[in-house]
Amino acid sequence: MSNFSDMVSYIGLTPSEAAAALDVSENEIVRWCSTDEAPPIHIWQGLVRMLDEIRISAEEAAKSADLDHIDASDLNRIDLTVPGQTTAEFAGPKRAATALAVAALARVFV
C-alpha cells in the first residue's frame, strides 16, 4: 500500500470514484495505490481539497449541535452534507465527515 492509497481509503472512495473525482483513469489510481509510483502534485492537491471539505463539514456539524441538550442517542442520528462539488457526489466522504463529527461530539461525554 501507499500513502496515496491510504488517503483514498480514508476519504472512502473506490478506485472508480477516485478516478472520476480526480479526472484520471482508474488504471492510474490502481497503479498509484499499489506501487511506489506517486501521482503528480495536482492529484495530491485534489485529495487535500476533498479532505478539507470533509473536515469543514464535520466541524460545522459539531459546532451546530446543541451541546446542552445532546444525549448519546443523538450521536447515531447525525446527518450532514459535505460541501464541494466533487466530494458531495460520493457516499464515502459523507461517511468520513459523519464519523469525524460524531467523534467530536462524543467528546462531550468524556
N, C-alpha and C. Protein backbone atom coordinates (compact mmCIF):
# COMPACT_ATOMS: atom_id res chain seq x y z
N MET A 1 0.83 -1.19 0.00
CA MET A 1 0.00 0.00 0.00
C MET A 1 0.87 1.25 0.00
N SER A 2 0.27 2.32 -0.42
CA SER A 2 0.98 3.60 -0.49
C SER A 2 0.25 4.63 0.35
N ASN A 3 0.90 5.75 0.59
CA ASN A 3 0.22 6.85 1.28
C ASN A 3 -0.96 7.34 0.44
N PHE A 4 -0.81 7.33 -0.86
CA PHE A 4 -1.91 7.71 -1.74
C PHE A 4 -3.10 6.78 -1.51
N SER A 5 -2.83 5.49 -1.44
CA SER A 5 -3.88 4.52 -1.20
C SER A 5 -4.56 4.77 0.15
N ASP A 6 -3.77 5.09 1.16
CA ASP A 6 -4.33 5.38 2.48
C ASP A 6 -5.26 6.58 2.45
N MET A 7 -4.86 7.62 1.72
CA MET A 7 -5.70 8.82 1.63
C MET A 7 -7.01 8.52 0.89
N VAL A 8 -6.92 7.80 -0.20
CA VAL A 8 -8.12 7.46 -0.96
C VAL A 8 -9.05 6.61 -0.09
N SER A 9 -8.49 5.66 0.65
CA SER A 9 -9.29 4.82 1.53
C SER A 9 -9.92 5.63 2.66
N TYR A 10 -9.15 6.53 3.25
CA TYR A 10 -9.65 7.36 4.34
C TYR A 10 -10.83 8.22 3.88
N ILE A 11 -10.72 8.75 2.68
CA ILE A 11 -11.80 9.56 2.13
C ILE A 11 -13.01 8.69 1.81
N GLY A 12 -12.77 7.41 1.57
CA GLY A 12 -13.86 6.48 1.32
C GLY A 12 -14.23 6.32 -0.14
N LEU A 13 -13.27 6.57 -1.00
CA LEU A 13 -13.53 6.46 -2.44
C LEU A 13 -13.08 5.11 -2.97
N THR A 14 -13.89 4.55 -3.86
CA THR A 14 -13.46 3.37 -4.60
C THR A 14 -12.49 3.84 -5.68
N PRO A 15 -11.73 2.94 -6.28
CA PRO A 15 -10.85 3.37 -7.37
C PRO A 15 -11.59 4.07 -8.51
N SER A 16 -12.77 3.58 -8.85
CA SER A 16 -13.51 4.24 -9.95
C SER A 16 -14.01 5.63 -9.52
N GLU A 17 -14.42 5.79 -8.26
CA GLU A 17 -14.85 7.10 -7.77
C GLU A 17 -13.66 8.06 -7.71
N ALA A 18 -12.52 7.56 -7.23
CA ALA A 18 -11.32 8.40 -7.17
C ALA A 18 -10.92 8.85 -8.56
N ALA A 19 -11.01 7.95 -9.54
CA ALA A 19 -10.67 8.30 -10.92
C ALA A 19 -11.60 9.39 -11.43
N ALA A 20 -12.89 9.26 -11.17
CA ALA A 20 -13.85 10.27 -11.62
C ALA A 20 -13.61 11.60 -10.91
N ALA A 21 -13.37 11.54 -9.60
CA ALA A 21 -13.19 12.76 -8.82
C ALA A 21 -11.92 13.50 -9.21
N LEU A 22 -10.88 12.75 -9.54
CA LEU A 22 -9.58 13.35 -9.84
C LEU A 22 -9.32 13.48 -11.34
N ASP A 23 -10.28 13.06 -12.15
CA ASP A 23 -10.21 13.18 -13.60
C ASP A 23 -8.99 12.47 -14.20
N VAL A 24 -8.82 11.22 -13.78
CA VAL A 24 -7.76 10.36 -14.31
C VAL A 24 -8.38 8.98 -14.57
N SER A 25 -7.59 8.09 -15.15
CA SER A 25 -8.11 6.75 -15.40
C SER A 25 -8.07 5.91 -14.12
N GLU A 26 -8.96 4.94 -14.06
CA GLU A 26 -8.96 4.02 -12.92
C GLU A 26 -7.65 3.25 -12.85
N ASN A 27 -7.05 2.94 -14.01
CA ASN A 27 -5.76 2.25 -14.02
C ASN A 27 -4.68 3.07 -13.32
N GLU A 28 -4.71 4.39 -13.50
CA GLU A 28 -3.73 5.24 -12.82
C GLU A 28 -3.94 5.20 -11.30
N ILE A 29 -5.19 5.25 -10.88
CA ILE A 29 -5.50 5.19 -9.45
C ILE A 29 -4.97 3.88 -8.87
N VAL A 30 -5.27 2.79 -9.53
CA VAL A 30 -4.82 1.46 -9.05
C VAL A 30 -3.29 1.40 -9.01
N ARG A 31 -2.64 1.94 -10.03
CA ARG A 31 -1.17 1.94 -10.07
C ARG A 31 -0.60 2.75 -8.91
N TRP A 32 -1.15 3.95 -8.68
CA TRP A 32 -0.64 4.81 -7.60
C TRP A 32 -0.92 4.20 -6.23
N CYS A 33 -1.99 3.43 -6.13
CA CYS A 33 -2.33 2.79 -4.85
C CYS A 33 -1.47 1.57 -4.57
N SER A 34 -1.04 0.88 -5.60
CA SER A 34 -0.40 -0.41 -5.39
C SER A 34 1.11 -0.43 -5.68
N THR A 35 1.67 0.69 -6.09
CA THR A 35 3.11 0.74 -6.36
C THR A 35 3.72 1.93 -5.63
N ASP A 36 5.03 2.08 -5.77
CA ASP A 36 5.72 3.22 -5.18
C ASP A 36 5.62 4.47 -6.05
N GLU A 37 5.04 4.33 -7.23
CA GLU A 37 4.91 5.48 -8.13
C GLU A 37 3.91 6.47 -7.54
N ALA A 38 4.33 7.70 -7.42
CA ALA A 38 3.48 8.74 -6.84
C ALA A 38 2.76 9.52 -7.94
N PRO A 39 1.54 9.95 -7.66
CA PRO A 39 0.83 10.79 -8.63
C PRO A 39 1.42 12.19 -8.68
N PRO A 40 1.07 12.95 -9.71
CA PRO A 40 1.55 14.33 -9.78
C PRO A 40 0.92 15.19 -8.68
N ILE A 41 1.52 16.34 -8.44
CA ILE A 41 1.12 17.20 -7.33
C ILE A 41 -0.34 17.64 -7.44
N HIS A 42 -0.86 17.85 -8.64
CA HIS A 42 -2.26 18.29 -8.74
C HIS A 42 -3.23 17.22 -8.26
N ILE A 43 -2.83 15.96 -8.32
CA ILE A 43 -3.67 14.88 -7.79
C ILE A 43 -3.67 14.93 -6.26
N TRP A 44 -2.48 15.11 -5.66
CA TRP A 44 -2.38 15.26 -4.20
C TRP A 44 -3.23 16.46 -3.76
N GLN A 45 -3.15 17.55 -4.50
CA GLN A 45 -3.91 18.76 -4.15
C GLN A 45 -5.41 18.49 -4.22
N GLY A 46 -5.84 17.68 -5.17
CA GLY A 46 -7.26 17.31 -5.25
C GLY A 46 -7.70 16.53 -4.03
N LEU A 47 -6.85 15.61 -3.57
CA LEU A 47 -7.18 14.86 -2.36
C LEU A 47 -7.22 15.77 -1.14
N VAL A 48 -6.31 16.71 -1.07
CA VAL A 48 -6.28 17.66 0.06
C VAL A 48 -7.56 18.49 0.07
N ARG A 49 -8.02 18.93 -1.08
CA ARG A 49 -9.27 19.69 -1.15
C ARG A 49 -10.44 18.85 -0.62
N MET A 50 -10.47 17.58 -1.01
CA MET A 50 -11.55 16.71 -0.53
C MET A 50 -11.46 16.52 0.99
N LEU A 51 -10.24 16.32 1.50
CA LEU A 51 -10.07 16.19 2.95
C LEU A 51 -10.50 17.46 3.67
N ASP A 52 -10.19 18.61 3.10
CA ASP A 52 -10.62 19.88 3.70
C ASP A 52 -12.14 19.98 3.72
N GLU A 53 -12.80 19.58 2.64
CA GLU A 53 -14.25 19.62 2.59
C GLU A 53 -14.86 18.71 3.66
N ILE A 54 -14.27 17.55 3.85
CA ILE A 54 -14.74 16.61 4.87
C ILE A 54 -14.55 17.21 6.26
N ARG A 55 -13.38 17.76 6.52
CA ARG A 55 -13.08 18.34 7.84
C ARG A 55 -14.01 19.51 8.14
N ILE A 56 -14.18 20.40 7.17
CA ILE A 56 -15.04 21.56 7.37
C ILE A 56 -16.48 21.14 7.64
N SER A 57 -16.95 20.16 6.91
CA SER A 57 -18.31 19.66 7.11
C SER A 57 -18.47 19.09 8.51
N ALA A 58 -17.50 18.32 8.96
CA ALA A 58 -17.55 17.73 10.30
C ALA A 58 -17.52 18.82 11.36
N GLU A 59 -16.67 19.81 11.19
CA GLU A 59 -16.57 20.90 12.16
C GLU A 59 -17.87 21.69 12.24
N GLU A 60 -18.47 21.97 11.09
CA GLU A 60 -19.73 22.72 11.08
C GLU A 60 -20.85 21.93 11.76
N ALA A 61 -20.89 20.63 11.52
CA ALA A 61 -21.92 19.80 12.15
C ALA A 61 -21.73 19.78 13.67
N ALA A 62 -20.50 19.66 14.11
CA ALA A 62 -20.23 19.64 15.55
C ALA A 62 -20.55 20.99 16.18
N LYS A 63 -20.21 22.08 15.49
CA LYS A 63 -20.48 23.42 16.02
C LYS A 63 -21.97 23.71 16.13
N SER A 64 -22.74 23.16 15.22
CA SER A 64 -24.17 23.47 15.20
C SER A 64 -24.98 22.64 16.19
N ALA A 65 -24.37 21.66 16.81
CA ALA A 65 -25.08 20.81 17.76
C ALA A 65 -25.38 21.58 19.05
N ASP A 66 -26.51 21.30 19.64
CA ASP A 66 -26.90 21.91 20.91
C ASP A 66 -26.30 21.08 22.03
N LEU A 67 -25.11 21.43 22.46
CA LEU A 67 -24.37 20.62 23.43
C LEU A 67 -25.06 20.54 24.78
N ASP A 68 -25.92 21.50 25.10
CA ASP A 68 -26.62 21.47 26.38
C ASP A 68 -27.74 20.44 26.41
N HIS A 69 -28.19 20.04 25.23
CA HIS A 69 -29.32 19.11 25.18
C HIS A 69 -29.02 17.84 24.39
N ILE A 70 -27.79 17.57 24.15
CA ILE A 70 -27.43 16.37 23.38
C ILE A 70 -27.30 15.18 24.33
N ASP A 71 -27.75 14.03 23.87
CA ASP A 71 -27.50 12.80 24.62
C ASP A 71 -26.87 11.77 23.68
N ALA A 72 -26.45 10.68 24.24
CA ALA A 72 -25.69 9.69 23.48
C ALA A 72 -26.47 9.17 22.28
N SER A 73 -27.80 9.04 22.40
CA SER A 73 -28.58 8.52 21.27
C SER A 73 -28.58 9.49 20.09
N ASP A 74 -28.36 10.78 20.35
CA ASP A 74 -28.30 11.75 19.26
C ASP A 74 -27.12 11.48 18.33
N LEU A 75 -26.07 10.89 18.85
CA LEU A 75 -24.87 10.63 18.05
C LEU A 75 -25.16 9.70 16.88
N ASN A 76 -26.15 8.88 17.03
CA ASN A 76 -26.48 7.92 15.96
C ASN A 76 -27.40 8.52 14.91
N ARG A 77 -27.84 9.76 15.12
CA ARG A 77 -28.78 10.38 14.19
C ARG A 77 -28.19 11.59 13.47
N ILE A 78 -26.91 11.78 13.56
CA ILE A 78 -26.29 12.93 12.90
C ILE A 78 -26.34 12.72 11.39
N ASP A 79 -26.84 13.71 10.70
CA ASP A 79 -26.91 13.67 9.24
C ASP A 79 -26.35 14.99 8.73
N LEU A 80 -25.40 14.93 7.84
CA LEU A 80 -24.80 16.16 7.34
C LEU A 80 -24.52 16.04 5.86
N THR A 81 -24.30 17.17 5.26
CA THR A 81 -23.92 17.20 3.85
C THR A 81 -22.48 17.68 3.77
N VAL A 82 -21.80 17.20 2.80
CA VAL A 82 -20.41 17.59 2.58
C VAL A 82 -20.40 18.59 1.43
N PRO A 83 -19.87 19.79 1.69
CA PRO A 83 -19.83 20.78 0.62
C PRO A 83 -18.81 20.38 -0.45
N GLY A 84 -18.87 21.01 -1.53
CA GLY A 84 -17.88 20.74 -2.58
C GLY A 84 -18.48 19.85 -3.63
N GLN A 85 -18.31 20.25 -4.84
CA GLN A 85 -18.92 19.54 -5.96
C GLN A 85 -18.42 18.10 -6.05
N THR A 86 -17.11 17.91 -5.96
CA THR A 86 -16.56 16.57 -6.14
C THR A 86 -16.87 15.67 -4.96
N THR A 87 -16.61 16.14 -3.77
CA THR A 87 -16.75 15.30 -2.58
C THR A 87 -18.20 14.91 -2.33
N ALA A 88 -19.13 15.80 -2.59
CA ALA A 88 -20.54 15.54 -2.30
C ALA A 88 -21.14 14.46 -3.19
N GLU A 89 -20.50 14.14 -4.28
CA GLU A 89 -21.04 13.15 -5.21
C GLU A 89 -20.95 11.72 -4.69
N PHE A 90 -20.12 11.46 -3.71
CA PHE A 90 -19.84 10.09 -3.29
C PHE A 90 -20.19 9.87 -1.82
N ALA A 91 -20.60 8.65 -1.48
CA ALA A 91 -21.02 8.33 -0.12
C ALA A 91 -19.84 8.26 0.86
N GLY A 92 -18.68 7.85 0.40
CA GLY A 92 -17.52 7.69 1.28
C GLY A 92 -17.13 8.96 2.01
N PRO A 93 -17.02 10.09 1.33
CA PRO A 93 -16.68 11.34 2.02
C PRO A 93 -17.73 11.73 3.06
N LYS A 94 -18.99 11.46 2.78
CA LYS A 94 -20.03 11.76 3.77
C LYS A 94 -19.86 10.88 5.00
N ARG A 95 -19.54 9.62 4.80
CA ARG A 95 -19.29 8.73 5.95
C ARG A 95 -18.11 9.21 6.76
N ALA A 96 -17.04 9.65 6.08
CA ALA A 96 -15.86 10.13 6.79
C ALA A 96 -16.18 11.39 7.59
N ALA A 97 -16.91 12.32 6.99
CA ALA A 97 -17.29 13.55 7.68
C ALA A 97 -18.19 13.26 8.87
N THR A 98 -19.13 12.35 8.69
CA THR A 98 -20.03 11.99 9.78
C THR A 98 -19.25 11.36 10.92
N ALA A 99 -18.31 10.50 10.61
CA ALA A 99 -17.50 9.86 11.65
C ALA A 99 -16.71 10.91 12.43
N LEU A 100 -16.14 11.88 11.74
CA LEU A 100 -15.39 12.93 12.43
C LEU A 100 -16.31 13.79 13.30
N ALA A 101 -17.49 14.11 12.80
CA ALA A 101 -18.44 14.91 13.58
C ALA A 101 -18.91 14.16 14.82
N VAL A 102 -19.22 12.89 14.66
CA VAL A 102 -19.65 12.07 15.80
C VAL A 102 -18.53 11.97 16.83
N ALA A 103 -17.31 11.78 16.37
CA ALA A 103 -16.18 11.70 17.30
C ALA A 103 -16.02 13.01 18.08
N ALA A 104 -16.16 14.13 17.40
CA ALA A 104 -16.04 15.43 18.08
C ALA A 104 -17.15 15.60 19.11
N LEU A 105 -18.37 15.22 18.75
CA LEU A 105 -19.48 15.37 19.68
C LEU A 105 -19.42 14.36 20.83
N ALA A 106 -18.90 13.17 20.56
CA ALA A 106 -18.79 12.16 21.62
C ALA A 106 -17.86 12.61 22.73
N ARG A 107 -16.95 13.51 22.42
CA ARG A 107 -16.04 14.04 23.44
C ARG A 107 -16.79 14.77 24.55
N VAL A 108 -18.00 15.22 24.26
CA VAL A 108 -18.82 15.88 25.28
C VAL A 108 -19.07 14.93 26.46
N PHE A 109 -19.13 13.65 26.17
CA PHE A 109 -19.46 12.66 27.20
C PHE A 109 -18.23 12.12 27.91
N VAL A 110 -17.06 12.54 27.52
CA VAL A 110 -15.82 12.01 28.13
C VAL A 110 -15.45 12.85 29.34
